[in-house]
N, C-alpha and C. Protein backbone atom coordinates (compact mmCIF):
# COMPACT_ATOMS: atom_id res chain seq x y z
N UNK A 1 15.89 -66.69 16.71
CA UNK A 1 17.32 -67.03 16.50
C UNK A 1 18.06 -65.78 16.03
N UNK A 2 19.27 -65.57 16.53
CA UNK A 2 20.08 -64.46 16.13
C UNK A 2 20.28 -64.41 14.62
N UNK A 3 20.17 -63.18 14.05
CA UNK A 3 20.24 -63.04 12.59
C UNK A 3 21.56 -63.53 12.02
N UNK A 4 22.65 -63.37 12.80
CA UNK A 4 23.95 -63.81 12.31
C UNK A 4 24.03 -65.33 12.27
N UNK A 5 23.45 -66.01 13.24
CA UNK A 5 23.40 -67.46 13.22
C UNK A 5 22.55 -67.94 12.07
N UNK A 6 21.42 -67.25 11.83
CA UNK A 6 20.54 -67.61 10.74
C UNK A 6 21.27 -67.48 9.39
N UNK A 7 22.02 -66.37 9.25
CA UNK A 7 22.76 -66.16 7.99
C UNK A 7 23.81 -67.21 7.81
N UNK A 8 24.54 -67.53 8.89
CA UNK A 8 25.59 -68.56 8.81
C UNK A 8 24.96 -69.91 8.43
N UNK A 9 23.84 -70.27 9.05
CA UNK A 9 23.20 -71.54 8.73
C UNK A 9 22.73 -71.61 7.29
N UNK A 10 22.18 -70.51 6.80
CA UNK A 10 21.71 -70.49 5.43
C UNK A 10 22.86 -70.68 4.45
N UNK A 11 23.98 -69.97 4.68
CA UNK A 11 25.14 -70.10 3.81
C UNK A 11 25.69 -71.51 3.85
N UNK A 12 25.79 -72.07 5.07
CA UNK A 12 26.32 -73.41 5.19
C UNK A 12 25.38 -74.43 4.54
N UNK A 13 24.07 -74.22 4.66
CA UNK A 13 23.11 -75.12 4.05
C UNK A 13 23.27 -75.14 2.52
N UNK A 14 23.55 -73.97 1.94
CA UNK A 14 23.72 -73.94 0.47
C UNK A 14 24.94 -74.75 0.05
N UNK A 15 25.98 -74.70 0.87
CA UNK A 15 27.17 -75.53 0.61
C UNK A 15 26.81 -77.01 0.70
N UNK A 16 26.06 -77.36 1.71
CA UNK A 16 25.67 -78.77 1.91
C UNK A 16 24.80 -79.24 0.73
N UNK A 17 23.87 -78.41 0.32
CA UNK A 17 22.97 -78.76 -0.79
C UNK A 17 23.77 -79.04 -2.05
N UNK A 18 24.79 -78.22 -2.31
CA UNK A 18 25.65 -78.48 -3.49
C UNK A 18 26.37 -79.80 -3.35
N UNK A 19 26.85 -80.10 -2.11
CA UNK A 19 27.51 -81.38 -1.89
C UNK A 19 26.57 -82.55 -2.11
N UNK A 20 25.35 -82.42 -1.64
CA UNK A 20 24.35 -83.48 -1.83
C UNK A 20 24.07 -83.70 -3.32
N UNK A 21 23.99 -82.61 -4.07
CA UNK A 21 23.71 -82.74 -5.51
C UNK A 21 24.80 -83.52 -6.22
N UNK A 22 26.05 -83.31 -5.80
CA UNK A 22 27.15 -84.07 -6.40
C UNK A 22 27.06 -85.56 -6.07
N UNK A 23 26.34 -85.86 -4.99
CA UNK A 23 26.19 -87.26 -4.53
C UNK A 23 24.86 -87.85 -4.99
N UNK A 24 24.20 -87.20 -5.92
CA UNK A 24 22.93 -87.65 -6.49
C UNK A 24 21.83 -87.67 -5.45
N UNK A 25 21.89 -86.72 -4.50
CA UNK A 25 20.84 -86.56 -3.53
C UNK A 25 20.34 -85.11 -3.59
N UNK A 26 19.12 -84.88 -3.15
CA UNK A 26 18.50 -83.56 -3.27
C UNK A 26 18.38 -82.94 -1.88
N UNK A 27 18.85 -81.68 -1.75
CA UNK A 27 18.78 -80.97 -0.52
C UNK A 27 17.86 -79.78 -0.57
N UNK A 28 17.32 -79.41 0.59
CA UNK A 28 16.40 -78.25 0.72
C UNK A 28 16.81 -77.53 2.02
N UNK A 29 16.51 -76.24 2.07
CA UNK A 29 16.75 -75.47 3.29
C UNK A 29 15.46 -74.88 3.76
N UNK A 30 15.12 -75.09 5.01
CA UNK A 30 13.91 -74.55 5.61
C UNK A 30 14.26 -73.59 6.75
N UNK A 31 13.69 -72.41 6.72
CA UNK A 31 13.98 -71.42 7.74
C UNK A 31 13.32 -71.75 9.09
N UNK A 32 12.31 -72.62 9.03
CA UNK A 32 11.56 -72.93 10.25
C UNK A 32 11.06 -74.38 10.19
N UNK A 33 10.56 -74.84 11.34
CA UNK A 33 9.96 -76.18 11.38
C UNK A 33 8.72 -76.24 10.48
N UNK A 34 7.95 -75.16 10.46
CA UNK A 34 6.76 -75.13 9.65
C UNK A 34 7.10 -75.26 8.15
N UNK A 35 8.15 -74.55 7.75
CA UNK A 35 8.55 -74.62 6.34
C UNK A 35 9.08 -76.02 6.01
N UNK A 36 9.80 -76.62 6.94
CA UNK A 36 10.27 -77.99 6.73
C UNK A 36 9.13 -78.96 6.61
N UNK A 37 8.10 -78.77 7.40
CA UNK A 37 6.89 -79.63 7.33
C UNK A 37 6.25 -79.53 5.96
N UNK A 38 6.10 -78.32 5.43
CA UNK A 38 5.49 -78.13 4.13
C UNK A 38 6.32 -78.75 3.02
N UNK A 39 7.65 -78.63 3.12
CA UNK A 39 8.50 -79.24 2.09
C UNK A 39 8.35 -80.77 2.13
N UNK A 40 8.36 -81.33 3.32
CA UNK A 40 8.24 -82.79 3.46
C UNK A 40 6.91 -83.28 2.93
N UNK A 41 5.84 -82.61 3.28
CA UNK A 41 4.52 -83.05 2.79
C UNK A 41 4.44 -82.97 1.26
N UNK A 42 5.11 -81.98 0.69
CA UNK A 42 5.10 -81.84 -0.76
C UNK A 42 5.89 -82.95 -1.47
N UNK A 43 6.75 -83.64 -0.73
CA UNK A 43 7.55 -84.72 -1.33
C UNK A 43 6.85 -86.08 -1.25
N UNK A 44 5.76 -86.15 -0.47
CA UNK A 44 5.06 -87.43 -0.30
C UNK A 44 3.95 -87.54 -1.32
N UNK A 45 3.96 -88.57 -2.16
CA UNK A 45 2.95 -88.68 -3.20
C UNK A 45 1.56 -88.98 -2.64
N UNK A 46 0.54 -88.47 -3.28
CA UNK A 46 -0.82 -88.73 -2.84
C UNK A 46 -1.12 -90.24 -2.90
N UNK A 47 -1.78 -90.72 -1.89
CA UNK A 47 -2.15 -92.11 -1.85
C UNK A 47 -1.01 -93.07 -1.51
N UNK A 48 0.12 -92.52 -1.12
CA UNK A 48 1.31 -93.33 -0.88
C UNK A 48 1.32 -93.95 0.51
N UNK A 49 2.22 -94.92 0.66
CA UNK A 49 2.45 -95.53 1.97
C UNK A 49 3.69 -94.89 2.58
N UNK A 50 3.63 -94.62 3.89
CA UNK A 50 4.69 -93.88 4.56
C UNK A 50 5.00 -94.62 5.86
N UNK A 51 6.29 -94.71 6.18
CA UNK A 51 6.70 -95.29 7.44
C UNK A 51 7.98 -94.64 7.90
N UNK A 52 8.51 -95.06 9.03
CA UNK A 52 9.70 -94.44 9.58
C UNK A 52 10.36 -95.36 10.60
N UNK A 53 11.62 -95.02 10.92
CA UNK A 53 12.30 -95.66 12.04
C UNK A 53 12.19 -94.72 13.23
N UNK A 54 13.12 -94.81 14.14
CA UNK A 54 13.12 -93.84 15.23
C UNK A 54 13.73 -92.55 14.79
N UNK A 55 12.96 -91.48 14.69
CA UNK A 55 13.48 -90.20 14.21
C UNK A 55 12.76 -89.08 14.96
N UNK A 56 13.38 -88.63 16.03
CA UNK A 56 12.77 -87.59 16.86
C UNK A 56 12.52 -86.30 16.06
N UNK A 57 13.44 -85.99 15.14
CA UNK A 57 13.30 -84.76 14.35
C UNK A 57 12.03 -84.73 13.51
N UNK A 58 11.65 -85.92 13.03
CA UNK A 58 10.41 -86.03 12.23
C UNK A 58 9.20 -85.67 13.10
N UNK A 59 9.21 -86.12 14.32
CA UNK A 59 8.12 -85.76 15.27
C UNK A 59 8.15 -84.28 15.60
N UNK A 60 9.34 -83.70 15.78
CA UNK A 60 9.47 -82.35 16.27
C UNK A 60 8.95 -81.30 15.26
N UNK A 61 8.94 -81.60 13.95
CA UNK A 61 8.40 -80.65 13.00
C UNK A 61 6.89 -80.91 12.77
N UNK A 62 6.33 -81.90 13.45
CA UNK A 62 4.90 -82.19 13.32
C UNK A 62 4.54 -83.02 12.13
N UNK A 63 5.53 -83.70 11.52
CA UNK A 63 5.25 -84.43 10.29
C UNK A 63 4.42 -85.69 10.57
N UNK A 64 4.67 -86.41 11.64
CA UNK A 64 3.92 -87.63 11.93
C UNK A 64 2.45 -87.31 12.11
N UNK A 65 2.15 -86.29 12.89
CA UNK A 65 0.78 -85.90 13.12
C UNK A 65 0.08 -85.50 11.83
N UNK A 66 0.81 -84.75 10.99
CA UNK A 66 0.24 -84.28 9.71
C UNK A 66 -0.08 -85.47 8.80
N UNK A 67 0.79 -86.46 8.79
CA UNK A 67 0.55 -87.63 7.95
C UNK A 67 -0.65 -88.42 8.44
N UNK A 68 -0.77 -88.57 9.76
CA UNK A 68 -1.89 -89.30 10.32
C UNK A 68 -3.22 -88.62 10.00
N UNK A 69 -3.21 -87.30 9.79
CA UNK A 69 -4.43 -86.56 9.48
C UNK A 69 -4.81 -86.70 8.00
N UNK A 70 -3.87 -87.14 7.17
CA UNK A 70 -4.14 -87.29 5.77
C UNK A 70 -4.86 -88.62 5.46
N UNK A 71 -6.09 -88.59 5.06
CA UNK A 71 -6.83 -89.82 4.82
C UNK A 71 -6.34 -90.58 3.59
N UNK A 72 -5.66 -89.87 2.70
CA UNK A 72 -5.17 -90.54 1.47
C UNK A 72 -3.88 -91.31 1.67
N UNK A 73 -3.23 -91.11 2.82
CA UNK A 73 -1.94 -91.76 3.06
C UNK A 73 -2.08 -92.97 3.95
N UNK A 74 -1.30 -93.99 3.64
CA UNK A 74 -1.26 -95.19 4.48
C UNK A 74 -0.03 -95.13 5.36
N UNK A 75 -0.21 -94.75 6.63
CA UNK A 75 0.93 -94.65 7.53
C UNK A 75 1.13 -95.98 8.24
N UNK A 76 2.29 -96.61 7.98
CA UNK A 76 2.66 -97.86 8.61
C UNK A 76 3.29 -97.51 9.96
N UNK A 77 2.48 -97.52 11.00
CA UNK A 77 2.91 -97.10 12.34
C UNK A 77 3.33 -98.33 13.12
N UNK A 78 4.62 -98.55 13.26
CA UNK A 78 5.07 -99.77 13.94
C UNK A 78 4.64 -99.84 15.41
N UNK A 79 4.39 -98.67 16.01
CA UNK A 79 3.92 -98.64 17.40
C UNK A 79 2.52 -99.23 17.51
N UNK A 80 1.80 -99.24 16.40
CA UNK A 80 0.43 -99.78 16.41
C UNK A 80 0.39 -101.27 16.04
N UNK A 81 1.53 -101.81 15.67
CA UNK A 81 1.62 -103.24 15.27
C UNK A 81 1.94 -104.09 16.49
N UNK A 82 1.19 -105.15 16.67
CA UNK A 82 1.55 -106.13 17.70
C UNK A 82 2.79 -106.89 17.29
N UNK A 83 2.92 -107.15 16.00
CA UNK A 83 4.09 -107.84 15.45
C UNK A 83 5.04 -106.77 14.89
N UNK A 84 6.00 -106.36 15.70
CA UNK A 84 6.93 -105.31 15.29
C UNK A 84 7.78 -105.70 14.07
N UNK A 85 8.10 -106.98 13.99
CA UNK A 85 8.87 -107.43 12.83
C UNK A 85 8.08 -107.25 11.52
N UNK A 86 6.80 -107.50 11.57
CA UNK A 86 5.97 -107.31 10.38
C UNK A 86 5.96 -105.87 9.91
N UNK A 87 5.91 -104.95 10.89
CA UNK A 87 5.93 -103.53 10.59
C UNK A 87 7.26 -103.14 9.96
N UNK A 88 8.36 -103.69 10.51
CA UNK A 88 9.66 -103.37 9.99
C UNK A 88 9.83 -103.90 8.56
N UNK A 89 9.33 -105.08 8.31
CA UNK A 89 9.44 -105.67 6.97
C UNK A 89 8.57 -104.90 5.97
N UNK A 90 7.42 -104.41 6.43
CA UNK A 90 6.55 -103.64 5.54
C UNK A 90 7.21 -102.36 5.09
N UNK A 91 8.14 -101.85 5.89
CA UNK A 91 8.81 -100.61 5.56
C UNK A 91 9.61 -100.69 4.26
N UNK A 92 10.12 -101.89 3.94
CA UNK A 92 10.97 -102.03 2.74
C UNK A 92 10.19 -101.86 1.44
N UNK A 93 8.87 -102.00 1.52
CA UNK A 93 8.05 -101.86 0.31
C UNK A 93 7.28 -100.55 0.34
N UNK A 94 7.58 -99.66 1.27
CA UNK A 94 6.84 -98.39 1.39
C UNK A 94 7.26 -97.40 0.29
N UNK A 95 6.38 -96.52 0.00
CA UNK A 95 6.68 -95.44 -0.97
C UNK A 95 7.67 -94.44 -0.37
N UNK A 96 7.50 -94.17 0.92
CA UNK A 96 8.33 -93.15 1.58
C UNK A 96 8.77 -93.64 2.94
N UNK A 97 10.06 -93.46 3.25
CA UNK A 97 10.62 -93.74 4.55
C UNK A 97 11.10 -92.43 5.15
N UNK A 98 10.65 -92.11 6.35
CA UNK A 98 11.04 -90.87 7.04
C UNK A 98 12.18 -91.17 7.98
N UNK A 99 13.14 -90.25 8.04
CA UNK A 99 14.32 -90.50 8.88
C UNK A 99 15.00 -89.19 9.21
N UNK A 100 15.99 -89.28 10.08
CA UNK A 100 16.92 -88.20 10.32
C UNK A 100 18.32 -88.80 10.25
N UNK A 101 19.31 -88.06 10.67
CA UNK A 101 20.68 -88.58 10.72
C UNK A 101 21.19 -88.41 12.12
N UNK A 102 22.17 -89.21 12.49
CA UNK A 102 22.91 -88.98 13.75
C UNK A 102 23.89 -87.85 13.56
N UNK A 103 24.36 -87.67 12.33
CA UNK A 103 25.25 -86.61 11.98
C UNK A 103 25.41 -86.57 10.47
N UNK A 104 25.92 -85.45 9.94
CA UNK A 104 26.23 -85.38 8.52
C UNK A 104 27.36 -84.38 8.32
N UNK A 105 28.02 -84.47 7.17
CA UNK A 105 29.16 -83.62 6.90
C UNK A 105 28.74 -82.42 6.04
N UNK A 106 29.61 -81.43 6.02
CA UNK A 106 29.35 -80.24 5.23
C UNK A 106 29.35 -80.50 3.74
N UNK A 107 29.93 -81.62 3.32
CA UNK A 107 29.92 -81.93 1.89
C UNK A 107 28.90 -83.03 1.56
N UNK A 108 27.99 -83.31 2.51
CA UNK A 108 26.82 -84.15 2.17
C UNK A 108 26.86 -85.63 2.47
N UNK A 109 27.78 -86.10 3.30
CA UNK A 109 27.80 -87.50 3.69
C UNK A 109 26.90 -87.67 4.93
N UNK A 110 26.00 -88.65 4.90
CA UNK A 110 25.07 -88.91 5.98
C UNK A 110 25.61 -90.05 6.83
N UNK A 111 25.58 -89.88 8.16
CA UNK A 111 26.11 -90.88 9.06
C UNK A 111 25.03 -91.34 10.04
N UNK A 112 24.81 -92.65 10.12
CA UNK A 112 23.79 -93.21 11.03
C UNK A 112 24.32 -94.45 11.69
N UNK A 113 23.93 -94.59 12.98
CA UNK A 113 24.27 -95.78 13.76
C UNK A 113 22.94 -96.39 14.20
N UNK A 114 22.90 -97.72 14.22
CA UNK A 114 21.64 -98.40 14.54
C UNK A 114 21.88 -99.64 15.38
N UNK A 115 20.88 -100.02 16.13
CA UNK A 115 20.98 -101.22 16.95
C UNK A 115 20.37 -102.44 16.26
N UNK A 116 19.10 -102.32 15.85
CA UNK A 116 18.42 -103.44 15.19
C UNK A 116 18.60 -103.46 13.68
N UNK A 117 19.08 -102.37 13.12
CA UNK A 117 19.38 -102.23 11.67
C UNK A 117 18.15 -102.01 10.82
N UNK A 118 16.95 -101.98 11.41
CA UNK A 118 15.78 -101.72 10.58
C UNK A 118 15.86 -100.33 9.94
N UNK A 119 16.36 -99.37 10.66
CA UNK A 119 16.44 -98.00 10.17
C UNK A 119 17.50 -97.87 9.08
N UNK A 120 18.72 -98.30 9.37
CA UNK A 120 19.80 -98.11 8.40
C UNK A 120 19.59 -98.99 7.16
N UNK A 121 18.99 -100.16 7.34
CA UNK A 121 18.76 -101.03 6.19
C UNK A 121 17.71 -100.44 5.24
N UNK A 122 16.68 -99.78 5.81
CA UNK A 122 15.67 -99.14 4.98
C UNK A 122 16.20 -97.91 4.30
N UNK A 123 17.12 -97.21 4.97
CA UNK A 123 17.77 -96.05 4.32
C UNK A 123 18.58 -96.53 3.11
N UNK A 124 19.28 -97.63 3.28
CA UNK A 124 20.17 -98.11 2.24
C UNK A 124 19.44 -98.71 1.06
N UNK A 125 18.32 -99.42 1.31
CA UNK A 125 17.66 -100.10 0.22
C UNK A 125 16.23 -100.46 0.61
N UNK A 126 15.31 -100.38 -0.34
CA UNK A 126 13.93 -100.81 -0.08
C UNK A 126 12.92 -99.73 -0.46
N UNK A 127 12.60 -98.81 0.48
CA UNK A 127 11.58 -97.78 0.18
C UNK A 127 11.94 -96.98 -1.06
N UNK A 128 10.91 -96.56 -1.78
CA UNK A 128 11.14 -95.85 -3.05
C UNK A 128 11.79 -94.49 -2.82
N UNK A 129 11.43 -93.82 -1.69
CA UNK A 129 11.94 -92.51 -1.42
C UNK A 129 12.28 -92.42 0.10
N UNK A 130 13.39 -91.75 0.42
CA UNK A 130 13.77 -91.53 1.80
C UNK A 130 13.86 -90.01 2.03
N UNK A 131 13.12 -89.53 3.03
CA UNK A 131 13.11 -88.10 3.35
C UNK A 131 13.76 -87.94 4.72
N UNK A 132 14.86 -87.20 4.75
CA UNK A 132 15.55 -86.92 5.99
C UNK A 132 15.18 -85.50 6.48
N UNK A 133 14.91 -85.38 7.76
CA UNK A 133 14.69 -84.08 8.39
C UNK A 133 15.87 -83.86 9.33
N UNK A 134 16.68 -82.82 9.05
CA UNK A 134 17.95 -82.65 9.74
C UNK A 134 18.12 -81.23 10.29
N UNK A 135 18.23 -81.11 11.60
CA UNK A 135 18.55 -79.82 12.19
C UNK A 135 19.98 -79.46 11.94
N UNK A 136 20.28 -78.17 11.81
CA UNK A 136 21.64 -77.72 11.53
C UNK A 136 22.59 -78.06 12.65
N UNK A 137 22.09 -78.42 13.81
CA UNK A 137 22.94 -78.81 14.93
C UNK A 137 23.67 -80.13 14.66
N UNK A 138 23.26 -80.89 13.64
CA UNK A 138 23.86 -82.18 13.35
C UNK A 138 24.95 -82.14 12.28
N UNK A 139 25.23 -80.96 11.79
CA UNK A 139 26.23 -80.81 10.72
C UNK A 139 27.63 -80.71 11.32
N UNK A 140 28.55 -81.51 10.77
CA UNK A 140 29.94 -81.53 11.24
C UNK A 140 30.89 -81.26 10.09
N UNK A 141 32.12 -80.94 10.41
CA UNK A 141 33.09 -80.57 9.39
C UNK A 141 33.34 -81.69 8.39
N UNK A 142 33.56 -82.91 8.90
CA UNK A 142 33.98 -84.02 8.05
C UNK A 142 33.47 -85.32 8.62
N UNK A 143 33.81 -86.44 7.97
CA UNK A 143 33.33 -87.74 8.38
C UNK A 143 33.81 -88.10 9.77
N UNK A 144 35.05 -87.80 10.09
CA UNK A 144 35.57 -88.08 11.44
C UNK A 144 34.75 -87.35 12.49
N UNK A 145 34.47 -86.07 12.24
CA UNK A 145 33.66 -85.31 13.18
C UNK A 145 32.25 -85.81 13.29
N UNK A 146 31.70 -86.21 12.13
CA UNK A 146 30.31 -86.76 12.14
C UNK A 146 30.23 -88.08 12.92
N UNK A 147 31.23 -88.91 12.72
CA UNK A 147 31.22 -90.20 13.46
C UNK A 147 31.38 -89.96 14.94
N UNK A 148 32.23 -89.02 15.32
CA UNK A 148 32.41 -88.69 16.73
C UNK A 148 31.09 -88.18 17.33
N UNK A 149 30.40 -87.36 16.58
CA UNK A 149 29.13 -86.84 17.06
C UNK A 149 28.11 -87.99 17.24
N UNK A 150 28.04 -88.84 16.23
CA UNK A 150 27.08 -89.96 16.29
C UNK A 150 27.34 -90.84 17.48
N UNK A 151 28.63 -91.09 17.78
CA UNK A 151 28.98 -92.03 18.85
C UNK A 151 28.96 -91.39 20.23
N UNK A 152 29.29 -90.12 20.31
CA UNK A 152 29.48 -89.46 21.62
C UNK A 152 28.37 -88.49 22.01
N UNK A 153 27.48 -88.19 21.07
CA UNK A 153 26.35 -87.32 21.38
C UNK A 153 25.02 -88.08 21.18
N UNK A 154 24.78 -88.51 19.95
CA UNK A 154 23.49 -89.16 19.63
C UNK A 154 23.33 -90.47 20.34
N UNK A 155 24.34 -91.35 20.28
CA UNK A 155 24.21 -92.68 20.85
C UNK A 155 24.01 -92.67 22.36
N UNK A 156 24.81 -91.95 23.16
CA UNK A 156 24.54 -91.92 24.58
C UNK A 156 23.17 -91.41 24.96
N UNK A 157 22.71 -90.34 24.26
CA UNK A 157 21.37 -89.78 24.57
C UNK A 157 20.29 -90.81 24.27
N UNK A 158 20.42 -91.48 23.14
CA UNK A 158 19.43 -92.50 22.79
C UNK A 158 19.45 -93.67 23.73
N UNK A 159 20.63 -94.09 24.13
CA UNK A 159 20.76 -95.20 25.08
C UNK A 159 20.14 -94.82 26.43
N UNK A 160 20.33 -93.56 26.83
CA UNK A 160 19.75 -93.10 28.09
C UNK A 160 18.25 -93.06 28.03
N UNK A 161 17.71 -92.55 26.92
CA UNK A 161 16.25 -92.43 26.86
C UNK A 161 15.57 -93.78 26.71
N UNK A 162 16.29 -94.79 26.23
CA UNK A 162 15.72 -96.13 26.17
C UNK A 162 15.96 -96.93 27.43
N UNK A 163 16.71 -96.33 28.38
CA UNK A 163 16.95 -97.00 29.67
C UNK A 163 17.87 -98.20 29.53
N UNK A 164 18.85 -98.11 28.64
CA UNK A 164 19.74 -99.26 28.37
C UNK A 164 20.94 -99.27 29.34
N UNK A 165 21.47 -100.44 29.52
CA UNK A 165 22.62 -100.61 30.46
C UNK A 165 23.91 -100.68 29.63
N UNK A 166 24.40 -99.51 29.27
CA UNK A 166 25.66 -99.42 28.52
C UNK A 166 26.57 -98.44 29.24
N UNK A 167 27.88 -98.50 29.01
CA UNK A 167 28.81 -97.56 29.63
C UNK A 167 28.47 -96.10 29.31
N UNK A 168 27.99 -95.84 28.12
CA UNK A 168 27.75 -94.44 27.72
C UNK A 168 26.58 -93.83 28.47
N UNK A 169 25.65 -94.63 28.98
CA UNK A 169 24.55 -94.08 29.78
C UNK A 169 25.04 -93.56 31.11
N UNK A 170 26.19 -94.05 31.54
CA UNK A 170 26.75 -93.64 32.85
C UNK A 170 27.78 -92.54 32.73
N UNK A 171 28.42 -92.48 31.55
CA UNK A 171 29.50 -91.49 31.40
C UNK A 171 29.17 -90.39 30.37
N UNK A 172 28.25 -90.67 29.46
CA UNK A 172 27.90 -89.69 28.44
C UNK A 172 28.79 -89.71 27.21
N UNK A 173 29.72 -90.70 27.16
CA UNK A 173 30.58 -90.79 25.98
C UNK A 173 30.78 -92.27 25.62
N UNK A 174 31.20 -92.48 24.37
CA UNK A 174 31.31 -93.82 23.82
C UNK A 174 32.55 -94.57 24.39
N UNK A 175 32.35 -95.86 24.72
CA UNK A 175 33.45 -96.71 25.19
C UNK A 175 33.74 -97.79 24.17
N UNK A 176 33.13 -97.68 22.96
CA UNK A 176 33.30 -98.72 21.95
C UNK A 176 32.95 -100.09 22.55
N UNK A 177 31.88 -100.14 23.29
CA UNK A 177 31.55 -101.33 24.06
C UNK A 177 30.92 -102.45 23.21
N UNK A 178 30.90 -103.62 23.78
CA UNK A 178 30.19 -104.77 23.20
C UNK A 178 29.14 -105.25 24.21
N UNK A 179 28.55 -104.32 24.90
CA UNK A 179 27.48 -104.62 25.87
C UNK A 179 26.31 -105.25 25.14
N UNK A 180 25.60 -106.20 25.76
CA UNK A 180 24.40 -106.74 25.13
C UNK A 180 23.36 -105.71 24.79
N UNK A 181 23.38 -104.57 25.46
CA UNK A 181 22.41 -103.51 25.22
C UNK A 181 22.89 -102.48 24.20
N UNK A 182 24.07 -102.64 23.67
CA UNK A 182 24.62 -101.60 22.76
C UNK A 182 23.66 -101.32 21.60
N UNK A 183 23.57 -100.04 21.24
CA UNK A 183 22.78 -99.69 20.04
C UNK A 183 23.73 -99.31 18.90
N UNK A 184 25.01 -99.47 19.12
CA UNK A 184 26.01 -99.16 18.08
C UNK A 184 26.40 -100.45 17.39
N UNK A 185 25.45 -101.07 16.71
CA UNK A 185 25.70 -102.37 16.05
C UNK A 185 26.04 -102.24 14.59
N UNK A 186 25.33 -101.35 13.90
CA UNK A 186 25.58 -101.13 12.48
C UNK A 186 25.85 -99.65 12.22
N UNK A 187 26.83 -99.37 11.38
CA UNK A 187 27.19 -98.02 11.02
C UNK A 187 26.94 -97.86 9.53
N UNK A 188 26.19 -96.82 9.16
CA UNK A 188 25.90 -96.61 7.74
C UNK A 188 26.40 -95.22 7.31
N UNK A 189 27.27 -95.18 6.30
CA UNK A 189 27.73 -93.94 5.69
C UNK A 189 27.09 -93.85 4.32
N UNK A 190 26.23 -92.88 4.14
CA UNK A 190 25.57 -92.70 2.82
C UNK A 190 26.29 -91.58 2.10
N UNK A 191 27.15 -91.96 1.17
CA UNK A 191 27.99 -90.95 0.49
C UNK A 191 27.57 -90.70 -0.98
N UNK A 192 26.65 -91.58 -1.49
CA UNK A 192 26.16 -91.41 -2.86
C UNK A 192 24.88 -92.24 -3.01
N UNK A 193 23.97 -91.75 -3.82
CA UNK A 193 22.77 -92.49 -4.12
C UNK A 193 22.80 -92.90 -5.60
N UNK A 194 22.70 -94.18 -5.84
CA UNK A 194 22.67 -94.65 -7.24
C UNK A 194 21.33 -94.32 -7.92
N UNK A 195 20.34 -94.06 -7.12
CA UNK A 195 18.99 -93.87 -7.66
C UNK A 195 18.59 -92.41 -7.52
N UNK A 196 18.47 -91.74 -8.67
CA UNK A 196 18.07 -90.33 -8.67
C UNK A 196 16.69 -90.16 -8.05
N UNK A 197 16.51 -89.06 -7.34
CA UNK A 197 15.23 -88.68 -6.74
C UNK A 197 14.80 -89.64 -5.60
N UNK A 198 15.75 -90.42 -5.07
CA UNK A 198 15.39 -91.29 -3.95
C UNK A 198 15.64 -90.62 -2.61
N UNK A 199 16.78 -90.00 -2.44
CA UNK A 199 17.14 -89.43 -1.12
C UNK A 199 16.98 -87.91 -1.16
N UNK A 200 16.18 -87.42 -0.19
CA UNK A 200 15.92 -86.01 -0.05
C UNK A 200 16.24 -85.58 1.36
N UNK A 201 17.00 -84.50 1.50
CA UNK A 201 17.46 -84.05 2.82
C UNK A 201 16.96 -82.62 3.07
N UNK A 202 16.11 -82.47 4.08
CA UNK A 202 15.57 -81.15 4.45
C UNK A 202 16.39 -80.62 5.61
N UNK A 203 17.19 -79.60 5.36
CA UNK A 203 17.98 -78.96 6.40
C UNK A 203 17.14 -77.89 7.06
N UNK A 204 17.06 -77.92 8.39
CA UNK A 204 16.18 -77.01 9.10
C UNK A 204 16.99 -76.08 9.99
N UNK A 205 16.70 -74.80 9.90
CA UNK A 205 17.40 -73.78 10.67
C UNK A 205 16.92 -73.82 12.15
N UNK A 206 17.25 -74.93 12.80
CA UNK A 206 16.80 -75.16 14.16
C UNK A 206 17.61 -76.30 14.76
N UNK A 207 17.55 -76.45 16.05
CA UNK A 207 18.15 -77.61 16.73
C UNK A 207 17.09 -78.68 16.84
N UNK A 208 17.31 -79.81 16.16
CA UNK A 208 16.33 -80.90 16.16
C UNK A 208 17.00 -82.22 16.57
N UNK A 209 16.25 -83.03 17.28
CA UNK A 209 16.75 -84.36 17.60
C UNK A 209 17.96 -84.32 18.50
N UNK A 210 18.74 -85.41 18.43
CA UNK A 210 19.89 -85.58 19.32
C UNK A 210 21.19 -85.69 18.54
């Protein structure tokens, strides 16, 4: 990565981390995917239970594979459950929930859109700790910009990769639809955490996820 882009990202990350601190959330900056992986693993307690929603960024830094290799961790892998609902319900009692964001603001507001709500509901309440892995490509100026990114970048890409029949899969942008296949059912803005040490955001100097 160009050194000027790296410098810009690092400076912006420090601003975001200060914003997160004011919101009772903890931020970290990782220069690489490998550094992000090490930070994330350091936040997971030994012997803990870990689960996640759909978070491509978590896979991209190798965190899922690393967790599966840890014999002391109980990874609740919903893909391995025949009863998907049981896996989703088990997430609410997990020690750690892994996630990313659809977008976030420079002052630390996290924006997520969900279809089934298992991801946003676990972010909001349930698991003892939530660890976000966020590429700097997802940072926007403000809430309006973050919402536009979530609806017009993240949502169409996710709808396309799931093979859904929504207007955005055909046009690449949001139509504010009420299609039966829509994944824009619940919107979650995380602007403050009432519980100290619950929400941790790892900002990665890379393009991750959608």
